[in-house]
Amino acid sequence: MPAPRPRYLCSVAAALALVLTAPATAATAAPGSPAALREVLFVGNNWDGTADVIESTGDFARIGRVDVVPDKEERLAEIKADPIKWIYFTAIRNSVGEGHDQLVDDMYSTPDGRSVVVSRPSFADVVSIDLATGRINWRFPVAGHRSDHMAVSPDGTRVAVSASTANTVHVLDIATGRQLGSFATGDKPHENVFSRDGRYIWNMSIGEVNTALDAPWLDWTKGDRRITVADATTYRQVKVIDMRERLDAIGLEDHSDAVRPAVFSPDESKLYFQVSFFNGFLEYDVATDRITRVKTLPENPDTSEDRTTWVNDSRHHGITMKPDGSKLCVAGTMDDYATVVDRTTLQQGPLVTASKPYWATVSGDGKACVVSESGADRVTAIDFATGRKTVSVPVGDHPQRVRLGRVAADWSGPSAG
């Protein structure tokens, strides 16, 4: 059963939101100033161990590339010297990594545009990399044996990272890597979301996604899956939301309660989220604490109905919202498309063909949805107004997370020195 909801939470419910629903604002320094910054998109190439930096609007051209595993040989030697670390490293490669090492999951730049902070699942850590030199500023090993999704606070000073095998979220000082606090979650913490005012962190735990026990009647074997809302100052649990009860209440007993990517509405009253195995998304009303609408999206007839073939229990993985709240953009991962959905009517637009799209975010000007095509090693922009593709650009091997960030105005990649 979920923890009782504190009375005061109702008054702050509308303040809980996903910070990335709105694009970052460009720096105001003069172009020739040392502090001049440019807004960009960071694309994490999970199997390459690189992050491509591309324009955040327009043609989304690549500006430069960052090696996020400059210490790869050192880390591998460390792992091979420890039998337990080696077992987990190999298990990650052969399960969630689909036969590849997971070298970059998530990344955020620092407010000054000097560094990028990266979670590296196979190395079970978070590192800060200097964008000018490519060197590591600091490294934080997470609890357990795998790091996962992150979130950055609205002021850019803190970063939260899921330690997925330890059922823990660490909150770090983004400049120093020092742990400020941590809190316990459900099984396999995944997505993290800061409220817009920075007072709360929402964590979604997805449970065990690497077993073949994928039939609906075996869903209970996946573990304790829940949303944990924590105070971002004291790191104490404020609320627990068990979507199993909310799904059952509307007759969706056969739907998984593993909440995957999620996005809040601009007024922070609604949460839109995906769950394991489902081709679509759900709308949750924060104030009334119930699921209010369900949107089922088309199935690709070429997609296997064998749920054990769907990557990490995901059918659809990636959802974002136009900054004005009028439209959603959904990555239909295993169905090989992305689509824009009208938020009022829930009517989807054209199905834009995409190869295993793994994430969706908003362009710097808020006019386009940008999805990572992990099966084609490119990112694709879809116009919110028309729902149609505008451009695709090549990136590295198996792009997943795409995040808005900043670099120096004249940056073109780390120096070779």
Protein backbone atom coordinates (compact mmCIF):
# COMPACT_ATOMS: atom_id res chain seq x y z
CA MET A 1 0.00 0.00 0.00
CA PRO A 2 1.28 3.50 -0.70
CA ALA A 3 2.29 5.73 2.18
CA PRO A 4 -0.45 8.13 3.32
CA ARG A 5 -0.31 11.44 1.50
CA PRO A 6 0.69 14.32 3.78
CA ARG A 7 -1.95 17.05 3.72
CA TYR A 8 0.55 19.71 2.71
CA LEU A 9 1.50 17.76 -0.37
CA CYS A 10 -1.72 18.78 -2.10
CA SER A 11 -0.60 22.40 -1.91
CA VAL A 12 2.73 21.62 -3.57
CA ALA A 13 1.48 19.04 -6.05
CA ALA A 14 1.18 21.63 -8.78
CA ALA A 15 4.85 22.52 -8.30
CA LEU A 16 6.12 19.09 -9.27
CA ALA A 17 7.37 19.08 -12.83
CA LEU A 18 9.95 17.78 -15.25
CA VAL A 19 12.55 20.51 -15.72
CA LEU A 20 13.28 19.51 -19.28
CA THR A 21 9.79 20.17 -20.57
CA ALA A 22 10.94 23.71 -21.36
CA PRO A 23 14.02 24.53 -23.40
CA ALA A 24 17.01 26.15 -21.69
CA THR A 25 17.53 29.87 -22.22
CA ALA A 26 20.51 31.04 -24.21
CA ALA A 27 23.30 32.88 -22.39
CA THR A 28 23.26 36.65 -22.74
CA ALA A 29 27.02 37.30 -22.77
CA ALA A 30 28.42 39.00 -25.86
CA PRO A 31 29.73 36.61 -28.53
CA GLY A 32 33.36 37.67 -27.98
CA SER A 33 33.15 37.33 -24.20
CA PRO A 34 34.84 34.38 -22.44
CA ALA A 35 31.48 33.63 -20.81
CA ALA A 36 29.58 33.42 -24.09
CA LEU A 37 27.73 30.13 -24.40
CA ARG A 38 25.75 28.36 -27.07
CA GLU A 39 22.84 26.02 -26.55
CA VAL A 40 23.35 22.51 -27.92
CA LEU A 41 22.03 18.98 -27.73
CA PHE A 42 24.17 16.25 -26.19
CA VAL A 43 23.56 12.80 -27.71
CA GLY A 44 24.85 9.85 -25.70
CA ASN A 45 26.16 7.04 -27.92
CA ASN A 46 25.87 4.19 -25.46
CA TRP A 47 27.88 1.51 -27.24
CA ASP A 48 30.55 3.93 -28.53
CA GLY A 49 31.28 5.58 -25.23
CA THR A 50 30.97 9.00 -26.85
CA ALA A 51 28.65 11.99 -26.74
CA ASP A 52 27.96 13.90 -29.94
CA VAL A 53 27.27 17.60 -29.54
CA ILE A 54 24.87 18.95 -32.16
CA GLU A 55 23.06 22.20 -32.87
CA SER A 56 19.88 22.49 -30.80
CA THR A 57 17.81 23.92 -33.70
CA GLY A 58 17.81 24.29 -37.46
CA ASP A 59 19.81 21.59 -39.26
CA PHE A 60 21.00 20.00 -35.98
CA ALA A 61 24.50 19.74 -37.45
CA ARG A 62 27.21 18.08 -35.39
CA ILE A 63 29.59 20.51 -33.65
CA GLY A 64 31.94 18.07 -31.95
CA ARG A 65 32.34 14.78 -30.11
CA VAL A 66 33.41 13.94 -26.56
CA ASP A 67 35.05 10.70 -25.45
CA VAL A 68 33.24 9.92 -22.20
CA VAL A 69 35.43 6.93 -21.33
CA PRO A 70 38.97 8.38 -21.47
CA ASP A 71 39.81 6.13 -18.50
CA LYS A 72 38.42 3.00 -20.16
CA GLU A 73 41.54 0.85 -19.80
CA GLU A 74 41.93 1.81 -16.14
CA ARG A 75 38.31 0.96 -15.40
CA LEU A 76 38.49 -2.36 -17.24
CA ALA A 77 41.63 -3.37 -15.34
CA GLU A 78 39.89 -2.51 -12.08
CA ILE A 79 36.81 -4.55 -13.01
CA LYS A 80 38.79 -7.58 -14.18
CA ALA A 81 40.70 -7.63 -10.89
CA ASP A 82 37.47 -8.03 -8.89
CA PRO A 83 35.44 -11.21 -9.59
CA ILE A 84 32.17 -9.70 -8.36
CA LYS A 85 32.58 -6.56 -10.49
CA TRP A 86 33.47 -8.73 -13.49
CA ILE A 87 30.33 -10.84 -13.06
CA TYR A 88 28.11 -7.75 -13.00
CA PHE A 89 30.01 -6.11 -15.87
CA THR A 90 29.50 -9.22 -18.01
CA ALA A 91 25.85 -9.51 -16.98
CA ILE A 92 25.19 -5.90 -18.04
CA ARG A 93 26.83 -6.56 -21.40
CA ASN A 94 24.77 -9.70 -22.05
CA SER A 95 21.41 -8.38 -20.79
CA VAL A 96 20.52 -4.67 -20.94
CA GLY A 97 23.54 -4.04 -23.17
CA GLU A 98 22.32 -6.47 -25.84
CA GLY A 99 25.87 -7.84 -26.17
CA HIS A 100 27.55 -4.44 -25.81
CA ASP A 101 29.06 -2.53 -22.92
CA GLN A 102 26.87 0.35 -21.72
CA LEU A 103 29.30 3.25 -21.65
CA VAL A 104 27.02 6.28 -21.50
CA ASP A 105 23.44 6.39 -20.33
CA ASP A 106 22.71 10.00 -19.42
CA MET A 107 24.48 13.35 -19.47
CA TYR A 108 24.07 17.01 -18.49
CA SER A 109 26.35 19.98 -18.97
CA THR A 110 27.29 22.27 -16.10
CA PRO A 111 25.72 25.77 -16.06
CA ASP A 112 29.00 27.37 -17.14
CA GLY A 113 29.27 25.08 -20.17
CA ARG A 114 32.73 23.90 -19.14
CA SER A 115 31.96 20.27 -18.31
CA VAL A 116 29.57 17.45 -19.05
CA VAL A 117 28.47 15.02 -16.33
CA VAL A 118 27.86 11.47 -17.53
CA SER A 119 26.46 8.29 -15.99
CA ARG A 120 28.28 5.16 -17.23
CA PRO A 121 26.28 1.99 -16.48
CA SER A 122 28.96 -0.63 -17.16
CA PHE A 123 31.46 1.26 -14.99
CA ALA A 124 28.88 1.88 -12.23
CA ASP A 125 29.83 5.51 -11.89
CA VAL A 126 29.25 9.16 -12.75
CA VAL A 127 32.05 11.32 -14.13
CA SER A 128 32.53 14.98 -14.95
CA ILE A 129 34.50 15.59 -18.14
CA ASP A 130 36.18 18.88 -18.98
CA LEU A 131 34.86 19.93 -22.38
CA ALA A 132 38.02 21.84 -23.25
CA THR A 133 40.56 19.11 -22.46
CA GLY A 134 38.52 15.89 -22.43
CA ARG A 135 39.96 15.02 -19.01
CA ILE A 136 37.99 13.76 -16.03
CA ASN A 137 37.33 16.38 -13.33
CA TRP A 138 35.82 13.99 -10.81
CA ARG A 139 34.43 10.47 -10.56
CA PHE A 140 31.71 9.15 -8.24
CA PRO A 141 31.24 5.34 -7.99
CA VAL A 142 27.57 4.63 -7.29
CA ALA A 143 26.31 2.08 -4.79
CA GLY A 144 25.94 -1.37 -6.31
CA HIS A 145 27.02 -2.22 -9.81
CA ARG A 146 25.19 -0.03 -12.33
CA SER A 147 24.36 3.66 -12.84
CA ASP A 148 21.35 4.73 -14.89
CA HIS A 149 19.13 7.75 -15.66
CA MET A 150 19.93 11.14 -14.16
CA ALA A 151 18.21 14.50 -13.63
CA VAL A 152 19.65 17.94 -13.04
CA SER A 153 18.16 20.50 -10.66
CA PRO A 154 16.59 23.63 -12.16
CA ASP A 155 19.53 25.77 -11.01
CA GLY A 156 22.00 23.30 -12.50
CA THR A 157 23.90 22.75 -9.25
CA ARG A 158 22.79 19.21 -8.36
CA VAL A 159 22.51 16.00 -10.31
CA ALA A 160 20.50 12.96 -9.23
CA VAL A 161 21.51 9.51 -10.50
CA SER A 162 19.87 6.11 -10.13
CA ALA A 163 22.04 3.31 -8.77
CA SER A 164 19.90 0.61 -10.29
CA THR A 165 21.20 -2.49 -8.48
CA ALA A 166 21.28 -0.76 -5.09
CA ASN A 167 17.73 0.69 -5.14
CA THR A 168 19.22 4.08 -4.37
CA VAL A 169 19.29 7.58 -5.85
CA HIS A 170 22.42 9.64 -5.17
CA VAL A 171 22.28 13.43 -5.34
CA LEU A 172 25.64 15.01 -6.16
CA ASP A 173 27.11 18.49 -6.28
CA ILE A 174 27.55 18.92 -10.05
CA ALA A 175 30.76 20.95 -9.64
CA THR A 176 32.62 18.67 -7.23
CA GLY A 177 30.93 15.26 -7.40
CA ARG A 178 30.44 15.32 -3.63
CA GLN A 179 27.36 13.43 -2.47
CA LEU A 180 24.83 15.75 -0.90
CA GLY A 181 22.41 13.01 0.03
CA SER A 182 20.62 9.87 -1.12
CA PHE A 183 17.30 8.13 -0.74
CA ALA A 184 15.88 4.62 -1.10
CA THR A 185 13.60 3.65 -3.99
CA GLY A 186 11.71 0.67 -5.32
CA ASP A 187 13.46 -2.09 -7.26
CA LYS A 188 15.70 -0.91 -10.12
CA PRO A 189 15.35 2.90 -9.98
CA HIS A 190 15.24 4.36 -13.47
CA GLU A 191 13.89 7.79 -14.45
CA ASN A 192 14.47 10.82 -12.17
CA VAL A 193 12.58 14.12 -12.32
CA PHE A 194 13.24 17.33 -10.37
CA SER A 195 10.29 19.58 -9.65
CA ARG A 196 10.58 22.96 -11.32
CA ASP A 197 11.18 24.72 -8.00
CA GLY A 198 13.86 22.17 -7.12
CA ARG A 199 12.13 21.06 -3.91
CA TYR A 200 11.30 17.48 -4.90
CA ILE A 201 12.71 14.57 -6.85
CA TRP A 202 10.44 11.99 -8.42
CA ASN A 203 11.98 8.57 -9.05
CA MET A 204 10.38 5.80 -11.09
CA SER A 205 11.54 2.24 -10.33
CA ILE A 206 10.96 -0.30 -13.12
CA GLY A 207 11.75 -3.59 -11.40
CA GLU A 208 13.43 -6.55 -13.03
CA VAL A 209 13.45 -6.17 -16.82
CA ASN A 210 15.92 -8.91 -17.73
CA THR A 211 13.90 -12.05 -17.07
CA ALA A 212 11.76 -13.95 -19.56
CA LEU A 213 8.81 -13.91 -17.16
CA ASP A 214 7.01 -11.38 -19.31
CA ALA A 215 3.46 -12.77 -19.48
CA PRO A 216 0.92 -10.44 -17.83
CA TRP A 217 0.03 -13.02 -15.18
CA LEU A 218 3.69 -13.15 -14.14
CA ASP A 219 4.02 -9.39 -13.78
CA TRP A 220 4.18 -9.71 -10.00
CA THR A 221 7.60 -11.36 -10.34
CA LYS A 222 9.13 -8.10 -11.55
CA GLY A 223 9.52 -6.72 -8.03
CA ASP A 224 8.57 -3.57 -6.13
CA ARG A 225 7.82 -0.93 -8.77
CA ARG A 226 6.69 2.48 -7.60
CA ILE A 227 7.17 6.20 -7.84
CA THR A 228 9.09 7.62 -4.89
CA VAL A 229 8.82 11.36 -4.26
CA ALA A 230 11.66 12.65 -2.07
CA ASP A 231 12.44 16.01 -0.53
CA ALA A 232 15.44 17.36 -2.47
CA THR A 233 16.90 19.02 0.64
CA THR A 234 16.40 16.43 3.39
CA TYR A 235 16.26 13.43 1.00
CA ARG A 236 13.40 12.00 3.03
CA GLN A 237 10.52 10.20 1.36
CA VAL A 238 7.50 12.46 0.93
CA LYS A 239 5.17 10.13 -0.93
CA VAL A 240 4.98 6.74 -2.65
CA ILE A 241 2.68 6.13 -5.62
CA ASP A 242 1.91 2.52 -6.51
CA MET A 243 0.48 2.56 -10.03
CA ARG A 244 -0.71 -1.03 -9.64
CA GLU A 245 -3.65 0.16 -7.56
CA ARG A 246 -4.41 3.03 -9.94
CA LEU A 247 -4.30 0.76 -12.98
CA ASP A 248 -6.51 -1.87 -11.36
CA ALA A 249 -9.03 0.83 -10.42
CA ILE A 250 -9.70 1.53 -14.11
CA GLY A 251 -9.73 -2.08 -15.25
CA LEU A 252 -6.14 -2.30 -16.52
CA GLU A 253 -5.10 -5.29 -14.44
CA ASP A 254 -3.10 -6.70 -17.37
CA HIS A 255 -0.95 -3.55 -17.73
CA SER A 256 2.48 -3.37 -16.13
CA ASP A 257 2.93 -0.86 -13.32
CA ALA A 258 6.58 -0.21 -14.22
CA VAL A 259 6.65 3.53 -14.98
CA ARG A 260 9.23 4.35 -17.64
CA PRO A 261 9.91 7.82 -19.19
CA ALA A 262 7.53 10.50 -17.97
CA VAL A 263 6.80 14.20 -18.49
CA PHE A 264 4.74 16.74 -16.56
CA SER A 265 2.34 19.27 -18.05
CA PRO A 266 3.38 22.95 -17.88
CA ASP A 267 0.97 23.64 -15.02
CA GLU A 268 2.43 20.59 -13.28
CA SER A 269 -0.96 19.06 -12.59
CA LYS A 270 -0.69 16.07 -14.94
CA LEU A 271 1.94 13.38 -15.41
CA TYR A 272 2.15 11.55 -18.74
CA PHE A 273 4.05 8.29 -18.56
CA GLN A 274 4.85 5.05 -20.36
CA VAL A 275 4.85 1.59 -18.79
CA SER A 276 6.57 -1.63 -19.72
CA PHE A 277 5.12 -3.63 -22.64
CA PHE A 278 2.53 -0.99 -23.57
CA ASN A 279 2.23 0.77 -26.95
CA GLY A 280 0.98 4.08 -25.64
CA PHE A 281 0.94 6.22 -22.51
CA LEU A 282 -1.23 7.20 -19.55
CA GLU A 283 -2.30 10.49 -17.97
CA TYR A 284 -2.15 10.80 -14.18
CA ASP A 285 -3.81 13.64 -12.26
CA VAL A 286 -1.52 14.66 -9.40
CA ALA A 287 -4.19 16.35 -7.23
CA THR A 288 -6.77 13.56 -7.39
CA ASP A 289 -4.13 10.81 -7.41
CA ARG A 290 -5.69 8.80 -10.22
CA ILE A 291 -5.16 7.83 -13.83
CA THR A 292 -7.52 9.95 -15.91
CA ARG A 293 -6.84 8.94 -19.53
CA VAL A 294 -5.13 6.17 -21.49
CA LYS A 295 -3.83 6.53 -25.02
CA THR A 296 -3.17 3.37 -27.03
CA LEU A 297 -0.99 3.99 -30.06
CA PRO A 298 -0.89 1.84 -33.22
CA GLU A 299 0.98 -1.44 -33.28
CA ASN A 300 3.45 -2.09 -36.07
CA PRO A 301 2.29 -5.33 -37.74
CA ASP A 302 5.94 -6.26 -38.24
CA THR A 303 6.68 -6.09 -34.50
CA SER A 304 6.92 -9.51 -32.89
CA GLU A 305 4.26 -10.25 -30.31
CA ASP A 306 6.80 -12.25 -28.32
CA ARG A 307 7.28 -9.91 -25.36
CA THR A 308 10.60 -11.51 -24.47
CA THR A 309 12.06 -9.99 -27.67
CA TRP A 310 11.24 -6.41 -26.61
CA VAL A 311 14.35 -4.63 -25.33
CA ASN A 312 14.36 -4.41 -21.53
CA ASP A 313 10.56 -4.86 -21.39
CA SER A 314 10.05 -1.64 -23.36
CA ARG A 315 7.57 -1.41 -26.18
CA HIS A 316 7.53 2.40 -26.21
CA HIS A 317 10.35 4.30 -24.46
CA GLY A 318 10.58 8.08 -24.77
CA ILE A 319 8.05 10.88 -24.25
CA THR A 320 8.33 14.66 -24.19
CA MET A 321 6.04 17.70 -24.46
CA LYS A 322 5.98 20.91 -26.45
CA PRO A 323 6.75 23.75 -24.00
CA ASP A 324 3.25 25.27 -24.33
CA GLY A 325 1.74 21.93 -23.31
CA SER A 326 -0.33 21.50 -26.46
CA LYS A 327 1.37 18.41 -27.86
CA LEU A 328 3.25 15.33 -26.79
CA CYS A 329 5.88 13.44 -28.75
CA VAL A 330 6.24 9.71 -28.27
CA ALA A 331 9.00 7.30 -29.26
CA GLY A 332 7.41 4.01 -30.32
CA THR A 333 10.59 2.03 -29.71
CA MET A 334 9.79 -1.55 -30.72
CA ASP A 335 7.19 -0.38 -33.26
CA ASP A 336 9.80 1.67 -35.16
CA TYR A 337 8.06 5.03 -35.29
CA ALA A 338 7.66 8.32 -33.46
CA THR A 339 4.54 10.45 -33.44
CA VAL A 340 3.20 13.77 -32.20
CA VAL A 341 -0.02 13.57 -30.16
CA ASP A 342 -2.48 16.40 -29.52
CA ARG A 343 -2.74 16.67 -25.75
CA THR A 344 -6.38 17.79 -25.69
CA THR A 345 -7.83 15.16 -28.03
CA LEU A 346 -5.07 12.51 -27.73
CA GLN A 347 -5.22 12.16 -31.51
CA GLN A 348 -1.87 11.10 -32.95
CA GLY A 349 -0.38 12.64 -36.07
CA PRO A 350 1.58 10.89 -38.81
CA LEU A 351 3.63 7.88 -37.77
CA VAL A 352 7.19 8.93 -38.59
CA THR A 353 9.29 5.89 -39.43
CA ALA A 354 12.24 5.58 -37.05
CA SER A 355 14.58 2.69 -36.25
CA LYS A 356 14.19 1.70 -32.59
CA PRO A 357 13.71 5.26 -31.31
CA TYR A 358 14.90 5.28 -27.71
CA TRP A 359 14.29 8.79 -26.41
CA ALA A 360 12.45 12.03 -27.17
CA THR A 361 13.29 15.57 -26.15
CA VAL A 362 12.49 19.13 -27.26
CA SER A 363 14.68 21.27 -29.52
CA GLY A 364 16.20 24.46 -28.19
CA ASP A 365 13.52 26.65 -29.77
CA GLY A 366 10.70 24.36 -28.64
CA LYS A 367 9.45 23.85 -32.18
CA ALA A 368 10.59 20.28 -32.77
CA CYS A 369 10.72 16.91 -31.08
CA VAL A 370 14.12 15.23 -31.35
CA VAL A 371 14.26 11.43 -31.14
CA SER A 372 17.30 9.17 -30.99
CA GLU A 373 17.16 6.33 -33.51
CA SER A 374 19.26 3.72 -31.74
CA GLY A 375 18.79 1.22 -34.57
CA ALA A 376 20.07 3.61 -37.26
CA ASP A 377 22.69 5.65 -35.35
CA ARG A 378 21.05 9.01 -35.99
CA VAL A 379 18.78 11.58 -34.42
CA THR A 380 15.66 12.81 -36.16
CA ALA A 381 13.74 16.06 -35.70
CA ILE A 382 9.94 16.09 -36.04
CA ASP A 383 8.07 19.37 -36.40
CA PHE A 384 5.47 19.79 -33.65
CA ALA A 385 3.24 21.85 -35.95
CA THR A 386 2.97 19.30 -38.77
CA GLY A 387 4.00 16.09 -37.04
CA ARG A 388 6.39 15.40 -39.91
CA LYS A 389 10.11 14.73 -40.05
CA THR A 390 12.32 17.70 -40.93
CA VAL A 391 15.85 16.31 -40.77
CA SER A 392 17.97 13.36 -39.63
CA VAL A 393 21.65 13.61 -38.70
CA PRO A 394 24.16 10.78 -38.15
CA VAL A 395 25.66 10.23 -34.71
CA GLY A 396 27.59 7.43 -32.99
CA ASP A 397 26.77 3.82 -32.15
CA HIS A 398 23.42 3.28 -30.43
CA PRO A 399 22.30 6.79 -29.40
CA GLN A 400 19.96 6.83 -26.42
CA ARG A 401 19.57 9.86 -24.17
CA VAL A 402 19.41 13.32 -25.79
CA ARG A 403 19.68 16.35 -23.48
CA LEU A 404 19.77 20.11 -23.95
CA GLY A 405 22.94 21.69 -22.63
CA ARG A 406 25.52 24.42 -23.15
CA VAL A 407 29.09 24.71 -24.37
CA ALA A 408 31.41 27.64 -24.96
CA ALA A 409 30.34 29.66 -27.98
CA ASP A 410 33.53 28.77 -29.89
CA TRP A 411 33.67 25.10 -28.81
CA SER A 412 34.25 22.45 -31.49
CA GLY A 413 35.47 19.56 -29.34
CA PRO A 414 38.14 18.83 -26.71
CA SER A 415 41.68 19.84 -27.57
CA ALA A 416 44.06 17.14 -28.73
CA GLY A 417 46.72 18.23 -26.27
